[in-house]
Every structure is written in structure tokens, then in C-alpha cells.
């Protein structure tokens, strides 16, 4: 039997009363199950954290000793119990270490996707599927009007830009994916990386994911060259809004983050409308619960065929 209150939102985040734990809490809690290390899903200060090993490494790098009082590291498909709830991590394909969280209780299964993507990404584990009674899905781009373009075609656009490029990207996950893609599809480009991104790259490489050649940024390097791509985090990108002698691009699935009308770079690490429909097909749920976005389009699309509950 599906329990309507198996999870719900309160002032600290997504709470499961049957296991007395939070999923990706927004404020520190006693017990947190964290899907991945992006800051909007992984806050510091939790007493006890369950996550994958890369997620712990990223959190410790970012937060130091305040990351958590205790980490419980769990591998893929290694089930564990929190009180009466059985949990299992499966790859979400979003970034290195990102997990879908399968929760089983009293004969019913609930699959929390966290952030996920279906696109091929050589810098993280590919997405996995599991049948579930309830699919608890992100709905960041759950809109029929939103379909992500082919990321390979997008990155190949850099071949046509014959000047140095300042490429804005989130430091964790997106930057590493871009480094690997640029090396594969625009190999004449030389990659420079902001110093804040370098230690994140180290964790990727220690985890066995080779990104290809890149080097730390040096101001003199770009003066007399025209094939550099300088990857910078958002705060640096925004501080150089009037930078001369470079083409400014921001790699994102969000239209409002594209800074040039003539040159866009739509590369998203989230599921689009068709991807979410594929997730429903693969998991075959009786109900869909939506988080992290707007679920109204899914509710309208499925009508009476599948019950859709909007949690946020």
C-alpha cells in the first residue's frame, strides 16, 4: 500500500517519518541521506550522513570538518536499513557519485531520483533504472516546451569560434564534463581551468575518471593565443562581464544564462521533458510525486492514467 505521507516537506527539507531521516535536507539534521554533492542538495552540519564515496569527498573538500559528524559510505546496490526503511543507491547519471535512492517499506517501493540525466557523460556513472511503485522525480525541466539539444553538437560550436573563450560553468560536475568533451570534440583547443576547479578535478581523477589535458589559468597564457578555453565558476564569470578579447559563453540548460544571442551553449545536466517521460516508462510507477520544479505539466499529461502529486 502506498503511504501518502511516506515523505513530505517541512521546514528542514524532505522528511521520511517512517525512517526518521531526511533526504537532501536544506538545513542540518540528525540523519541525512544525500543524493549528490551539489550545494543545494548537500548542506554541512548534519550529524549523520549516508551517501556515496565521491559525495563524501566533495563535501569534505567544500566544508572541511563541518561536513558532517559521521559519514556512512554505501556502494551501488548495497542495501542498508534506517530504522524500518530499506534503502539502496543506484546511479543517477547527474555527476560523479550522484545517486537515485530506492526506499522500500512495508512491501512498497519509492524511488527518489534526485537530479538525473540520460545523456552520455564520460565523467560519471551512467543512469540505472529500477521498477517502483512511486517515482519521486525532479521536475526542473518538466515542461513539454523544453527539450535539450545534443550536447556533442553544442560543444562542437566551439570549433567555429576563432578567439579565446571564457566559458562559465558550475565548478562541480559541469566543468569536468566540459573538459572531457572539449578534449574529445574540439581537440585543437587548449583548456585553462580556474584554480577553484582544480581540486574538484583531482577527486574525479582519483576516482578513475580521466578528463584529458588541461592546465591552471595563467594571465600571460592567453595574451598571444587564440585557441584557449578558460573554464571559470559563475562568480568569476560574472565579475568579468566586460572582459575584452574573449568570447563569453555560459554552459547551461537555462535560457536566461545564455549571454550571447549569436553564440549559445545549451548543455544541461538535468532531465528534460522527454527524459522524465522515459523515466516513467522505465520505472513503471503507480504514482508520480514531483519535486524541485513544477509538476503541473506532468499532472496534465498523465491525467487519470497515473496519479501525479506535486510535493513542492
Protein backbone atom coordinates (compact mmCIF):
# COMPACT_ATOMS: atom_id res chain seq x y z
CA UNK A 1 0.00 0.00 0.00
CA UNK A 2 1.31 3.44 -0.95
CA UNK A 3 1.58 5.71 2.07
CA UNK A 4 0.65 9.30 1.23
CA UNK A 5 2.90 10.60 3.98
CA UNK A 6 5.91 8.34 3.31
CA UNK A 7 7.82 11.53 2.58
CA UNK A 8 6.73 15.14 2.89
CA UNK A 9 8.28 18.59 3.03
CA UNK A 10 8.81 20.51 6.24
CA UNK A 11 10.98 23.47 7.21
CA UNK A 12 14.19 21.39 7.00
CA UNK A 13 13.52 19.57 3.75
CA UNK A 14 12.25 16.20 2.55
CA UNK A 15 11.36 14.09 5.59
CA UNK A 16 10.61 10.36 5.86
CA UNK A 17 8.83 9.80 9.21
CA UNK A 18 8.92 6.00 8.83
CA UNK A 19 12.72 6.02 8.95
CA UNK A 20 13.12 9.33 10.78
CA UNK A 21 15.58 10.67 8.20
CA UNK A 22 15.79 13.49 5.68
CA UNK A 23 16.67 13.32 2.00
CA UNK A 24 18.87 16.18 0.77
CA UNK A 25 17.89 18.41 3.72
CA UNK A 26 18.19 22.16 3.34
CA UNK A 27 19.25 22.62 6.98
CA UNK A 28 21.33 20.41 9.29
CA UNK A 29 19.50 17.38 10.69
CA UNK A 30 20.26 14.31 12.79
CA UNK A 31 20.16 11.80 9.90
CA UNK A 32 20.56 12.83 6.23
CA UNK A 33 20.56 10.71 3.09
CA UNK A 34 22.28 12.80 0.43
CA UNK A 35 21.88 12.08 -3.27
CA UNK A 36 24.81 14.13 -4.55
CA UNK A 37 27.25 16.84 -3.59
CA UNK A 38 25.82 19.98 -5.22
CA UNK A 39 25.31 22.60 -2.54
CA UNK A 40 21.52 22.79 -2.99
CA UNK A 41 21.33 19.10 -2.04
CA UNK A 42 24.25 18.70 0.37
CA UNK A 43 24.47 21.13 3.28
CA UNK A 44 27.06 20.95 6.04
CA UNK A 45 26.48 20.28 9.72
CA UNK A 46 24.40 17.10 9.64
CA UNK A 47 25.08 14.70 12.49
CA UNK A 48 24.97 11.53 10.38
CA UNK A 49 25.14 11.29 6.59
CA UNK A 50 24.51 8.38 4.24
CA UNK A 51 25.97 8.91 0.76
CA UNK A 52 28.37 7.56 -1.87
CA UNK A 53 32.12 7.87 -1.50
CA UNK A 54 32.58 10.67 -4.10
CA UNK A 55 29.80 12.67 -2.46
CA UNK A 56 31.62 12.45 0.86
CA UNK A 57 34.90 13.52 -0.79
CA UNK A 58 33.32 16.59 -2.37
CA UNK A 59 31.55 17.55 0.85
CA UNK A 60 34.75 17.22 2.88
CA UNK A 61 36.62 19.33 0.33
CA UNK A 62 33.95 22.04 0.41
CA UNK A 63 33.05 22.05 4.10
CA UNK A 64 36.06 20.60 5.89
CA UNK A 65 35.43 19.38 9.43
CA UNK A 66 31.89 20.77 9.43
CA UNK A 67 30.81 18.50 6.54
CA UNK A 68 29.21 16.02 8.98
CA UNK A 69 29.89 14.44 12.34
CA UNK A 70 29.79 10.96 10.79
CA UNK A 71 29.60 9.56 7.25
CA UNK A 72 28.15 6.18 6.31
CA UNK A 73 29.54 5.31 2.87
CA UNK A 74 27.48 2.93 0.79
CA UNK A 75 28.33 1.43 -2.60
CA UNK A 76 25.97 0.92 -5.50
CA UNK A 77 23.26 -1.70 -4.88
CA UNK A 78 24.41 -2.30 -1.29
CA UNK A 79 21.16 -2.04 0.67
CA UNK A 80 21.11 -0.66 4.19
CA UNK A 81 18.48 -0.05 6.83
CA UNK A 82 17.49 3.13 8.61
CA UNK A 83 15.03 2.03 11.24
CA UNK A 84 12.31 0.20 9.29
CA UNK A 85 13.17 1.54 5.82
CA UNK A 86 15.45 -0.34 3.40
CA UNK A 87 17.49 1.98 1.15
CA UNK A 88 19.62 1.31 -1.93
CA UNK A 89 21.74 3.68 -4.02
CA UNK A 90 21.70 3.47 -7.84
CA UNK A 91 23.44 5.80 -10.25
CA UNK A 92 21.51 8.90 -11.32
CA UNK A 93 23.91 9.89 -14.12
CA UNK A 94 23.88 13.53 -12.97
CA UNK A 95 27.52 13.85 -11.84
CA UNK A 96 30.18 11.71 -10.19
CA UNK A 97 28.68 9.88 -7.22
CA UNK A 98 25.10 11.06 -7.82
CA UNK A 99 22.54 8.54 -6.63
CA UNK A 100 18.93 7.69 -7.04
CA UNK A 101 17.60 6.48 -3.71
CA UNK A 102 15.34 3.43 -3.68
CA UNK A 103 13.34 3.18 -0.45
CA UNK A 104 11.34 0.09 0.43
CA UNK A 105 8.87 -0.10 3.31
CA UNK A 106 6.05 -2.49 4.12
CA UNK A 107 6.10 -4.02 0.64
CA UNK A 108 6.03 -0.71 -1.26
CA UNK A 109 8.91 0.88 -3.17
CA UNK A 110 9.60 4.61 -3.53
CA UNK A 111 12.33 5.80 -5.93
CA UNK A 112 13.74 9.29 -5.38
CA UNK A 113 15.61 10.39 -8.49
CA UNK A 114 17.44 13.40 -7.11
CA UNK A 115 18.88 15.27 -10.09
CA UNK A 116 19.40 12.93 -13.05
CA UNK A 117 20.23 12.89 -16.73
CA UNK A 118 20.08 10.37 -19.55
CA UNK A 119 22.73 11.93 -21.81
CA UNK A 120 26.04 10.10 -22.14
CA UNK A 121 28.69 11.53 -19.84
CA UNK A 122 32.20 10.01 -19.64
CA UNK A 123 32.82 11.70 -16.27
CA UNK A 124 30.23 9.86 -14.20
CA UNK A 125 28.41 6.60 -13.78
CA UNK A 126 25.55 6.05 -16.28
CA UNK A 127 21.97 6.17 -15.07
CA UNK A 128 20.31 2.99 -13.80
CA UNK A 129 16.63 2.14 -13.57
CA UNK A 130 14.54 0.22 -11.07
CA UNK A 131 10.82 -0.52 -11.10
CA UNK A 132 9.00 1.30 -8.33
CA UNK A 133 5.50 1.85 -7.01
CA UNK A 134 6.14 5.57 -6.58
CA UNK A 135 8.51 7.63 -8.70
CA UNK A 136 9.63 10.75 -6.82
CA UNK A 137 11.15 12.76 -9.62
CA UNK A 138 12.85 16.10 -10.03
CA UNK A 139 10.87 18.35 -12.36
CA UNK A 140 13.39 21.10 -13.09
CA UNK A 141 12.63 21.00 -16.82
CA UNK A 142 9.31 19.11 -16.70
CA UNK A 143 7.77 21.14 -19.49
CA UNK A 144 6.88 19.87 -22.99
CA UNK A 145 8.41 23.06 -24.40
CA UNK A 146 11.85 22.10 -23.05
CA UNK A 147 13.98 19.57 -24.89
CA UNK A 148 17.75 19.63 -24.54
CA UNK A 149 19.82 19.67 -27.74
CA UNK A 150 22.55 17.14 -28.47
CA UNK A 151 25.46 18.07 -26.18
CA UNK A 152 28.05 16.93 -28.71
CA UNK A 153 26.61 19.25 -31.36
CA UNK A 154 26.63 22.05 -28.79
CA UNK A 155 30.27 21.60 -27.76
CA UNK A 156 31.34 21.40 -31.42
CA UNK A 157 30.17 25.01 -31.77
CA UNK A 158 33.44 25.98 -30.09
CA UNK A 159 35.27 24.90 -33.26
CA UNK A 160 33.77 27.88 -35.10
CA UNK A 161 34.90 30.46 -32.54
CA UNK A 162 38.36 31.67 -33.56
CA UNK A 163 39.21 33.60 -30.45
CA UNK A 164 39.83 32.86 -26.79
CA UNK A 165 36.74 31.79 -24.89
CA UNK A 166 35.77 32.45 -21.28
CA UNK A 167 33.43 29.58 -20.51
CA UNK A 168 31.30 29.90 -17.40
CA UNK A 169 30.20 26.67 -15.75
CA UNK A 170 29.38 25.30 -12.34
CA UNK A 171 32.62 24.10 -10.82
CA UNK A 172 31.42 20.67 -9.73
CA UNK A 173 30.13 18.26 -12.34
CA UNK A 174 29.61 20.58 -15.29
CA UNK A 175 33.23 21.77 -15.50
CA UNK A 176 34.64 18.25 -15.52
CA UNK A 177 32.16 17.15 -18.18
CA UNK A 178 33.12 20.14 -20.33
CA UNK A 179 36.84 19.44 -20.00
CA UNK A 180 36.34 15.87 -21.21
CA UNK A 181 34.04 16.95 -24.07
CA UNK A 182 36.32 19.75 -25.26
CA UNK A 183 39.27 17.38 -25.32
CA UNK A 184 37.31 14.86 -27.35
CA UNK A 185 35.38 17.06 -29.79
CA UNK A 186 37.45 20.26 -30.09
CA UNK A 187 40.97 18.89 -29.58
CA UNK A 188 42.73 21.94 -31.05
CA UNK A 189 41.51 23.99 -28.09
CA UNK A 190 43.76 24.33 -25.06
CA UNK A 191 41.91 24.22 -21.75
CA UNK A 192 42.66 26.54 -18.85
CA UNK A 193 40.95 25.97 -15.53
CA UNK A 194 40.23 28.36 -12.66
CA UNK A 195 42.14 27.45 -9.51
CA UNK A 196 38.91 26.77 -7.58
CA UNK A 197 38.06 23.95 -10.00
CA UNK A 198 41.42 22.18 -9.81
CA UNK A 199 40.86 20.27 -6.51
CA UNK A 200 37.49 19.05 -7.78
CA UNK A 201 39.24 17.67 -10.85
CA UNK A 202 41.66 15.85 -8.56
CA UNK A 203 38.80 13.95 -6.91
CA UNK A 204 37.49 12.92 -10.33
CA UNK A 205 40.89 11.64 -11.38
CA UNK A 206 41.46 9.84 -8.08
CA UNK A 207 38.11 8.13 -8.71
CA UNK A 208 39.38 6.83 -12.06
CA UNK A 209 37.83 9.43 -14.39
CA UNK A 210 40.50 10.87 -16.66
CA UNK A 211 39.49 14.26 -18.07
CA UNK A 212 42.28 14.73 -20.58
CA UNK A 213 44.79 17.60 -20.75
CA UNK A 214 44.19 20.95 -19.06
CA UNK A 215 46.23 23.40 -17.00
CA UNK A 216 45.65 26.02 -14.37
CA UNK A 217 44.96 29.52 -15.69
CA UNK A 218 47.81 31.97 -16.11
CA UNK A 219 47.19 35.51 -17.34
CA UNK A 220 50.12 35.52 -19.76
CA UNK A 221 48.99 32.34 -21.50
CA UNK A 222 46.02 33.94 -23.25
CA UNK A 223 47.74 37.12 -24.44
CA UNK A 224 49.09 35.87 -27.75
CA UNK A 225 46.96 32.80 -28.32
CA UNK A 226 43.52 32.32 -29.89
CA UNK A 227 42.55 28.73 -29.11
CA UNK A 228 42.24 28.80 -25.33
CA UNK A 229 39.07 27.92 -23.45
CA UNK A 230 39.20 29.28 -19.91
CA UNK A 231 36.67 27.48 -17.69
CA UNK A 232 35.57 29.59 -14.73
CA UNK A 233 32.92 29.24 -11.99
CA UNK A 234 29.90 31.58 -12.02
CA UNK A 235 31.24 34.17 -9.55
CA UNK A 236 34.35 34.71 -11.69
CA UNK A 237 32.37 34.70 -14.92
CA UNK A 238 30.00 37.36 -13.60
CA UNK A 239 32.85 39.55 -12.35
CA UNK A 240 34.33 39.78 -15.86
CA UNK A 241 31.17 40.91 -17.62
CA UNK A 242 33.15 43.45 -19.69
CA UNK A 243 36.15 41.25 -20.44
CA UNK A 244 37.90 42.28 -23.68
CA UNK A 245 39.40 40.00 -26.30
CA UNK A 246 37.40 36.90 -25.34
CA UNK A 247 34.09 35.35 -26.30
CA UNK A 248 31.95 34.88 -23.18
CA UNK A 249 29.74 31.79 -23.04
CA UNK A 250 27.90 30.08 -20.19
CA UNK A 251 27.20 26.34 -20.44
CA UNK A 252 23.73 25.66 -19.09
CA UNK A 253 20.29 24.34 -19.93
CA UNK A 254 18.77 27.60 -18.72
CA UNK A 255 17.94 30.16 -21.39
CA UNK A 256 18.48 33.10 -19.05
CA UNK A 257 22.12 32.08 -18.50
CA UNK A 258 22.98 32.32 -22.21
CA UNK A 259 24.89 35.57 -22.56
CA UNK A 260 25.27 35.89 -26.34
CA UNK A 261 22.37 35.89 -28.75
CA UNK A 262 24.58 34.69 -31.58
CA UNK A 263 26.52 32.07 -29.60
CA UNK A 264 24.73 29.80 -27.11
CA UNK A 265 25.87 26.65 -25.34
CA UNK A 266 22.90 24.62 -24.12
CA UNK A 267 24.47 21.79 -22.14
CA UNK A 268 22.34 20.62 -19.23
CA UNK A 269 22.95 18.02 -16.55
CA UNK A 270 19.23 17.68 -15.81
CA UNK A 271 16.46 15.64 -17.38
CA UNK A 272 14.26 17.38 -19.93
CA UNK A 273 10.60 16.61 -20.65
CA UNK A 274 11.30 13.55 -22.81
CA UNK A 275 13.81 12.22 -20.30
CA UNK A 276 11.26 12.39 -17.49
CA UNK A 277 8.73 10.54 -19.65
CA UNK A 278 11.42 7.90 -20.27
CA UNK A 279 11.99 7.67 -16.50
CA UNK A 280 8.27 6.98 -16.05
CA UNK A 281 8.41 4.33 -18.76
CA UNK A 282 11.42 2.60 -17.23
CA UNK A 283 10.19 2.64 -13.62
CA UNK A 284 6.51 1.91 -14.38
CA UNK A 285 5.12 3.58 -11.24
CA UNK A 286 1.58 3.61 -9.93
CA UNK A 287 2.09 7.21 -8.79
CA UNK A 288 4.44 10.09 -9.61
CA UNK A 289 5.45 12.63 -6.98
CA UNK A 290 7.28 15.73 -8.18
CA UNK A 291 9.97 17.84 -6.52
CA UNK A 292 12.47 20.55 -7.46
CA UNK A 293 10.35 22.23 -10.10
CA UNK A 294 6.80 22.41 -11.42
CA UNK A 295 4.83 19.19 -11.79
CA UNK A 296 1.69 20.67 -13.33
CA UNK A 297 2.59 19.64 -16.89
CA UNK A 298 3.11 16.04 -15.82
CA UNK A 299 -0.21 16.12 -13.98
CA UNK A 300 -1.97 17.39 -17.10
CA UNK A 301 -0.13 14.96 -19.39
CA UNK A 302 -0.96 11.78 -17.46
CA UNK A 303 -4.47 12.81 -16.41
CA UNK A 304 -6.24 9.79 -14.98
CA UNK A 305 -3.68 7.31 -16.30
CA UNK A 306 -1.17 7.89 -13.47
CA UNK A 307 -1.81 9.83 -10.29
CA UNK A 308 0.61 12.79 -10.03
CA UNK A 309 1.18 14.52 -6.69
CA UNK A 310 3.07 17.84 -6.59
CA UNK A 311 5.09 17.97 -3.37
CA UNK A 312 6.60 21.43 -3.78
